[in-house]
Amino acid sequence: MIKVVRGNPTPEELAAALAVVQVRAAAAESAEPDAAPVSEWSDPAARIPSRRTPQPGPRAWRTSYWPR
């Protein structure tokens, strides 16, 4: 149900507003669902070398710079 809260629209203005709402609702219903979930094999993070990341601690300065 649509309720006019402020103003006094003409029947033509009200029909135009209703048409816009109906078209948007129909477009939302008929929209394609999101694409299939992406496989973890295609995750860009998988291309990063699996080195241990430096952890904070008393000897962290030793691993603060690692050559690539």
PDB file of N, CA and C in Angstrom:
ATOM      1  N   MET A   1       0.846  -1.166   0.000  1.00  0.00           N
ATOM      2  CA  MET A   1       0.000   0.000   0.000  1.00  0.00           C
ATOM      3  C   MET A   1       0.891   1.228   0.000  1.00  0.00           C
ATOM      4  N   ILE A   2       0.518   2.193  -0.777  1.00  0.00           N
ATOM      5  CA  ILE A   2       1.257   3.448  -0.856  1.00  0.00           C
ATOM      6  C   ILE A   2       0.389   4.552  -0.293  1.00  0.00           C
ATOM      7  N   LYS A   3       1.000   5.362   0.552  1.00  0.00           N
ATOM      8  CA  LYS A   3       0.271   6.437   1.200  1.00  0.00           C
ATOM      9  C   LYS A   3       0.972   7.756   0.908  1.00  0.00           C
ATOM     10  N   VAL A   4       0.205   8.749   0.472  1.00  0.00           N
ATOM     11  CA  VAL A   4       0.755  10.083   0.227  1.00  0.00           C
ATOM     12  C   VAL A   4       0.793  10.809   1.563  1.00  0.00           C
ATOM     13  N   VAL A   5       1.996  11.166   1.988  1.00  0.00           N
ATOM     14  CA  VAL A   5       2.170  11.790   3.292  1.00  0.00           C
ATOM     15  C   VAL A   5       2.103  13.305   3.200  1.00  0.00           C
ATOM     16  N   ARG A   6       2.644  13.851   2.123  1.00  0.00           N
ATOM     17  CA  ARG A   6       2.680  15.302   1.998  1.00  0.00           C
ATOM     18  C   ARG A   6       2.354  15.696   0.561  1.00  0.00           C
ATOM     19  N   GLY A   7       1.642  16.731   0.384  1.00  0.00           N
ATOM     20  CA  GLY A   7       1.300  17.222  -0.943  1.00  0.00           C
ATOM     21  C   GLY A   7      -0.033  16.673  -1.419  1.00  0.00           C
ATOM     22  N   ASN A   8      -0.411  17.080  -2.603  1.00  0.00           N
ATOM     23  CA  ASN A   8      -1.667  16.661  -3.196  1.00  0.00           C
ATOM     24  C   ASN A   8      -1.401  16.306  -4.659  1.00  0.00           C
ATOM     25  N   PRO A   9      -0.931  15.081  -4.938  1.00  0.00           N
ATOM     26  CA  PRO A   9      -0.606  14.730  -6.316  1.00  0.00           C
ATOM     27  C   PRO A   9      -1.857  14.555  -7.166  1.00  0.00           C
ATOM     28  N   THR A  10      -1.703  14.876  -8.424  1.00  0.00           N
ATOM     29  CA  THR A  10      -2.794  14.642  -9.366  1.00  0.00           C
ATOM     30  C   THR A  10      -2.852  13.148  -9.656  1.00  0.00           C
ATOM     31  N   PRO A  11      -3.968  12.672 -10.185  1.00  0.00           N
ATOM     32  CA  PRO A  11      -4.042  11.244 -10.524  1.00  0.00           C
ATOM     33  C   PRO A  11      -2.945  10.814 -11.502  1.00  0.00           C
ATOM     34  N   GLU A  12      -2.558  11.703 -12.416  1.00  0.00           N
ATOM     35  CA  GLU A  12      -1.501  11.372 -13.379  1.00  0.00           C
ATOM     36  C   GLU A  12      -0.152  11.226 -12.673  1.00  0.00           C
ATOM     37  N   GLU A  13       0.141  12.114 -11.730  1.00  0.00           N
ATOM     38  CA  GLU A  13       1.407  12.040 -10.984  1.00  0.00           C
ATOM     39  C   GLU A  13       1.451  10.774 -10.128  1.00  0.00           C
ATOM     40  N   LEU A  14       0.333  10.457  -9.519  1.00  0.00           N
ATOM     41  CA  LEU A  14       0.263   9.256  -8.691  1.00  0.00           C
ATOM     42  C   LEU A  14       0.427   8.003  -9.549  1.00  0.00           C
ATOM     43  N   ALA A  15      -0.182   7.989 -10.734  1.00  0.00           N
ATOM     44  CA  ALA A  15      -0.052   6.841 -11.638  1.00  0.00           C
ATOM     45  C   ALA A  15       1.389   6.705 -12.115  1.00  0.00           C
ATOM     46  N   ALA A  16       2.064   7.814 -12.386  1.00  0.00           N
ATOM     47  CA  ALA A  16       3.467   7.763 -12.819  1.00  0.00           C
ATOM     48  C   ALA A  16       4.351   7.225 -11.704  1.00  0.00           C
ATOM     49  N   ALA A  17       4.127   7.670 -10.484  1.00  0.00           N
ATOM     50  CA  ALA A  17       4.924   7.189  -9.351  1.00  0.00           C
ATOM     51  C   ALA A  17       4.689   5.699  -9.132  1.00  0.00           C
ATOM     52  N   LEU A  18       3.449   5.258  -9.236  1.00  0.00           N
ATOM     53  CA  LEU A  18       3.141   3.847  -9.074  1.00  0.00           C
ATOM     54  C   LEU A  18       3.777   3.005 -10.169  1.00  0.00           C
ATOM     55  N   ALA A  19       3.779   3.513 -11.398  1.00  0.00           N
ATOM     56  CA  ALA A  19       4.395   2.794 -12.509  1.00  0.00           C
ATOM     57  C   ALA A  19       5.885   2.600 -12.258  1.00  0.00           C
ATOM     58  N   VAL A  20       6.553   3.624 -11.742  1.00  0.00           N
ATOM     59  CA  VAL A  20       7.986   3.518 -11.452  1.00  0.00           C
ATOM     60  C   VAL A  20       8.220   2.470 -10.373  1.00  0.00           C
ATOM     61  N   VAL A  21       7.419   2.478  -9.336  1.00  0.00           N
ATOM     62  CA  VAL A  21       7.580   1.507  -8.246  1.00  0.00           C
ATOM     63  C   VAL A  21       7.351   0.089  -8.763  1.00  0.00           C
ATOM     64  N   GLN A  22       6.337  -0.107  -9.596  1.00  0.00           N
ATOM     65  CA  GLN A  22       6.046  -1.439 -10.126  1.00  0.00           C
ATOM     66  C   GLN A  22       7.164  -1.936 -11.040  1.00  0.00           C
ATOM     67  N   VAL A  23       7.704  -1.056 -11.873  1.00  0.00           N
ATOM     68  CA  VAL A  23       8.778  -1.463 -12.777  1.00  0.00           C
ATOM     69  C   VAL A  23      10.026  -1.836 -11.987  1.00  0.00           C
ATOM     70  N   ARG A  24      10.352  -1.058 -10.981  1.00  0.00           N
ATOM     71  CA  ARG A  24      11.535  -1.360 -10.157  1.00  0.00           C
ATOM     72  C   ARG A  24      11.349  -2.674  -9.405  1.00  0.00           C
ATOM     73  N   ALA A  25      10.150  -2.924  -8.899  1.00  0.00           N
ATOM     74  CA  ALA A  25       9.893  -4.174  -8.181  1.00  0.00           C
ATOM     75  C   ALA A  25       9.987  -5.367  -9.126  1.00  0.00           C
ATOM     76  N   ALA A  26       9.452  -5.225 -10.333  1.00  0.00           N
ATOM     77  CA  ALA A  26       9.516  -6.318 -11.304  1.00  0.00           C
ATOM     78  C   ALA A  26      10.961  -6.571 -11.733  1.00  0.00           C
ATOM     79  N   ALA A  27      11.741  -5.514 -11.873  1.00  0.00           N
ATOM     80  CA  ALA A  27      13.143  -5.680 -12.265  1.00  0.00           C
ATOM     81  C   ALA A  27      13.928  -6.373 -11.156  1.00  0.00           C
ATOM     82  N   ALA A  28      13.620  -6.058  -9.917  1.00  0.00           N
ATOM     83  CA  ALA A  28      14.328  -6.692  -8.797  1.00  0.00           C
ATOM     84  C   ALA A  28      13.982  -8.171  -8.705  1.00  0.00           C
ATOM     85  N   GLU A  29      12.755  -8.535  -9.005  1.00  0.00           N
ATOM     86  CA  GLU A  29      12.339  -9.932  -8.942  1.00  0.00           C
ATOM     87  C   GLU A  29      12.937 -10.754 -10.070  1.00  0.00           C
ATOM     88  N   SER A  30      13.024 -10.153 -11.252  1.00  0.00           N
ATOM     89  CA  SER A  30      13.497 -10.914 -12.406  1.00  0.00           C
ATOM     90  C   SER A  30      14.999 -10.828 -12.579  1.00  0.00           C
ATOM     91  N   ALA A  31      15.680 -10.114 -11.716  1.00  0.00           N
ATOM     92  CA  ALA A  31      17.136  -9.996 -11.839  1.00  0.00           C
ATOM     93  C   ALA A  31      17.780 -11.357 -11.638  1.00  0.00           C
ATOM     94  N   GLU A  32      18.847 -11.571 -12.371  1.00  0.00           N
ATOM     95  CA  GLU A  32      19.585 -12.819 -12.246  1.00  0.00           C
ATOM     96  C   GLU A  32      20.176 -12.910 -10.849  1.00  0.00           C
ATOM     97  N   PRO A  33      20.157 -14.079 -10.260  1.00  0.00           N
ATOM     98  CA  PRO A  33      20.829 -14.219  -8.965  1.00  0.00           C
ATOM     99  C   PRO A  33      22.329 -14.032  -9.154  1.00  0.00           C
ATOM    100  N   ASP A  34      23.018 -13.767  -8.081  1.00  0.00           N
ATOM    101  CA  ASP A  34      24.462 -13.558  -8.154  1.00  0.00           C
ATOM    102  C   ASP A  34      25.125 -14.749  -8.827  1.00  0.00           C
ATOM    103  N   ALA A  35      26.262 -14.480  -9.422  1.00  0.00           N
ATOM    104  CA  ALA A  35      26.997 -15.533 -10.109  1.00  0.00           C
ATOM    105  C   ALA A  35      27.370 -16.637  -9.119  1.00  0.00           C
ATOM    106  N   ALA A  36      27.689 -17.765  -9.679  1.00  0.00           N
ATOM    107  CA  ALA A  36      28.071 -18.906  -8.835  1.00  0.00           C
ATOM    108  C   ALA A  36      29.267 -18.520  -7.974  1.00  0.00           C
ATOM    109  N   PRO A  37      29.388 -19.089  -6.808  1.00  0.00           N
ATOM    110  CA  PRO A  37      30.528 -18.757  -5.953  1.00  0.00           C
ATOM    111  C   PRO A  37      31.842 -19.074  -6.651  1.00  0.00           C
ATOM    112  N   VAL A  38      32.806 -18.229  -6.443  1.00  0.00           N
ATOM    113  CA  VAL A  38      34.101 -18.389  -7.086  1.00  0.00           C
ATOM    114  C   VAL A  38      34.891 -19.485  -6.369  1.00  0.00           C
ATOM    115  N   SER A  39      35.511 -20.315  -7.139  1.00  0.00           N
ATOM    116  CA  SER A  39      36.293 -21.406  -6.573  1.00  0.00           C
ATOM    117  C   SER A  39      37.508 -20.852  -5.840  1.00  0.00           C
ATOM    118  N   GLU A  40      37.919 -21.532  -4.791  1.00  0.00           N
ATOM    119  CA  GLU A  40      39.104 -21.102  -4.056  1.00  0.00           C
ATOM    120  C   GLU A  40      40.363 -21.271  -4.892  1.00  0.00           C
ATOM    121  N   TRP A  41      40.312 -22.091  -5.924  1.00  0.00           N
ATOM    122  CA  TRP A  41      41.473 -22.268  -6.788  1.00  0.00           C
ATOM    123  C   TRP A  41      41.796 -20.989  -7.546  1.00  0.00           C
ATOM    124  N   SER A  42      40.820 -20.138  -7.784  1.00  0.00           N
ATOM    125  CA  SER A  42      41.069 -18.904  -8.523  1.00  0.00           C
ATOM    126  C   SER A  42      41.294 -17.711  -7.595  1.00  0.00           C
ATOM    127  N   ASP A  43      41.462 -17.953  -6.315  1.00  0.00           N
ATOM    128  CA  ASP A  43      41.690 -16.885  -5.351  1.00  0.00           C
ATOM    129  C   ASP A  43      43.089 -16.303  -5.553  1.00  0.00           C
ATOM    130  N   PRO A  44      43.211 -14.979  -5.749  1.00  0.00           N
ATOM    131  CA  PRO A  44      44.534 -14.387  -5.954  1.00  0.00           C
ATOM    132  C   PRO A  44      45.467 -14.596  -4.767  1.00  0.00           C
ATOM    133  N   ALA A  45      44.936 -14.740  -3.574  1.00  0.00           N
ATOM    134  CA  ALA A  45      45.783 -14.947  -2.406  1.00  0.00           C
ATOM    135  C   ALA A  45      46.508 -16.280  -2.476  1.00  0.00           C
ATOM    136  N   ALA A  46      46.026 -17.208  -3.283  1.00  0.00           N
ATOM    137  CA  ALA A  46      46.692 -18.497  -3.405  1.00  0.00           C
ATOM    138  C   ALA A  46      48.018 -18.376  -4.143  1.00  0.00           C
ATOM    139  N   ARG A  47      48.221 -17.287  -4.891  1.00  0.00           N
ATOM    140  CA  ARG A  47      49.461 -17.093  -5.632  1.00  0.00           C
ATOM    141  C   ARG A  47      50.583 -16.521  -4.775  1.00  0.00           C
ATOM    142  N   ILE A  48      50.264 -16.084  -3.593  1.00  0.00           N
ATOM    143  CA  ILE A  48      51.280 -15.530  -2.707  1.00  0.00           C
ATOM    144  C   ILE A  48      52.101 -16.686  -2.136  1.00  0.00           C
ATOM    145  N   PRO A  49      53.419 -16.546  -2.137  1.00  0.00           N
ATOM    146  CA  PRO A  49      54.233 -17.631  -1.584  1.00  0.00           C
ATOM    147  C   PRO A  49      53.856 -17.912  -0.138  1.00  0.00           C
ATOM    148  N   SER A  50      53.913 -19.147   0.234  1.00  0.00           N
ATOM    149  CA  SER A  50      53.469 -19.528   1.570  1.00  0.00           C
ATOM    150  C   SER A  50      54.628 -19.450   2.568  1.00  0.00           C
ATOM    151  N   ARG A  51      55.194 -18.276   2.713  1.00  0.00           N
ATOM    152  CA  ARG A  51      56.215 -18.066   3.738  1.00  0.00           C
ATOM    153  C   ARG A  51      55.535 -17.713   5.045  1.00  0.00           C
ATOM    154  N   ARG A  52      56.240 -17.969   6.089  1.00  0.00           N
ATOM    155  CA  ARG A  52      55.723 -17.578   7.394  1.00  0.00           C
ATOM    156  C   ARG A  52      55.797 -16.074   7.518  1.00  0.00           C
ATOM    157  N   THR A  53      54.729 -15.442   7.940  1.00  0.00           N
ATOM    158  CA  THR A  53      54.749 -13.995   8.120  1.00  0.00           C
ATOM    159  C   THR A  53      55.420 -13.654   9.446  1.00  0.00           C
ATOM    160  N   PRO A  54      56.159 -12.536   9.479  1.00  0.00           N
ATOM    161  CA  PRO A  54      56.823 -12.172  10.724  1.00  0.00           C
ATOM    162  C   PRO A  54      55.816 -11.887  11.830  1.00  0.00           C
ATOM    163  N   GLN A  55      56.136 -12.370  13.002  1.00  0.00           N
ATOM    164  CA  GLN A  55      55.280 -12.152  14.163  1.00  0.00           C
ATOM    165  C   GLN A  55      55.981 -11.194  15.120  1.00  0.00           C
ATOM    166  N   PRO A  56      55.224 -10.361  15.814  1.00  0.00           N
ATOM    167  CA  PRO A  56      55.865  -9.461  16.763  1.00  0.00           C
ATOM    168  C   PRO A  56      56.497 -10.253  17.906  1.00  0.00           C
ATOM    169  N   GLY A  57      57.609  -9.760  18.371  1.00  0.00           N
ATOM    170  CA  GLY A  57      58.289 -10.422  19.473  1.00  0.00           C
ATOM    171  C   GLY A  57      59.673  -9.865  19.665  1.00  0.00           C
ATOM    172  N   PRO A  58      60.456 -10.454  20.550  1.00  0.00           N
ATOM    173  CA  PRO A  58      61.766  -9.899  20.864  1.00  0.00           C
ATOM    174  C   PRO A  58      62.743  -9.950  19.687  1.00  0.00           C
ATOM    175  N   ARG A  59      62.609 -10.899  18.774  1.00  0.00           N
ATOM    176  CA  ARG A  59      63.541 -11.005  17.646  1.00  0.00           C
ATOM    177  C   ARG A  59      62.872 -10.648  16.315  1.00  0.00           C
ATOM    178  N   ALA A  60      61.831  -9.859  16.351  1.00  0.00           N
ATOM    179  CA  ALA A  60      61.093  -9.515  15.140  1.00  0.00           C
ATOM    180  C   ALA A  60      61.924  -8.686  14.182  1.00  0.00           C
ATOM    181  N   TRP A  61      62.931  -7.968  14.684  1.00  0.00           N
ATOM    182  CA  TRP A  61      63.747  -7.145  13.810  1.00  0.00           C
ATOM    183  C   TRP A  61      64.474  -8.003  12.780  1.00  0.00           C
ATOM    184  N   ARG A  62      64.753  -9.262  13.080  1.00  0.00           N
ATOM    185  CA  ARG A  62      65.452 -10.135  12.136  1.00  0.00           C
ATOM    186  C   ARG A  62      64.616 -10.418  10.895  1.00  0.00           C
ATOM    187  N   THR A  63      63.301 -10.493  11.066  1.00  0.00           N
ATOM    188  CA  THR A  63      62.429 -10.813   9.936  1.00  0.00           C
ATOM    189  C   THR A  63      61.668  -9.594   9.427  1.00  0.00           C
ATOM    190  N   SER A  64      62.108  -8.395   9.862  1.00  0.00           N
ATOM    191  CA  SER A  64      61.373  -7.204   9.450  1.00  0.00           C
ATOM    192  C   SER A  64      61.586  -6.913   7.971  1.00  0.00           C
ATOM    193  N   TYR A  65      62.702  -7.376   7.415  1.00  0.00           N
ATOM    194  CA  TYR A  65      62.915  -7.222   5.977  1.00  0.00           C
ATOM    195  C   TYR A  65      63.287  -8.570   5.406  1.00  0.00           C
ATOM    196  N   TRP A  66      62.424  -9.100   4.572  1.00  0.00           N
ATOM    197  CA  TRP A  66      62.705 -10.348   3.898  1.00  0.00           C
ATOM    198  C   TRP A  66      62.797 -10.071   2.397  1.00  0.00           C
ATOM    199  N   PRO A  67      63.823 -10.521   1.743  1.00  0.00           N
ATOM    200  CA  PRO A  67      63.883 -10.311   0.293  1.00  0.00           C
ATOM    201  C   PRO A  67      62.787 -11.107  -0.393  1.00  0.00           C
ATOM    202  N   ARG A  68      62.362 -10.594  -1.495  1.00  0.00           N
ATOM    203  CA  ARG A  68      61.293 -11.277  -2.230  1.00  0.00           C
ATOM    204  C   ARG A  68      61.841 -12.185  -3.217  1.00  0.00           C
TER     205      ARG A  68
END
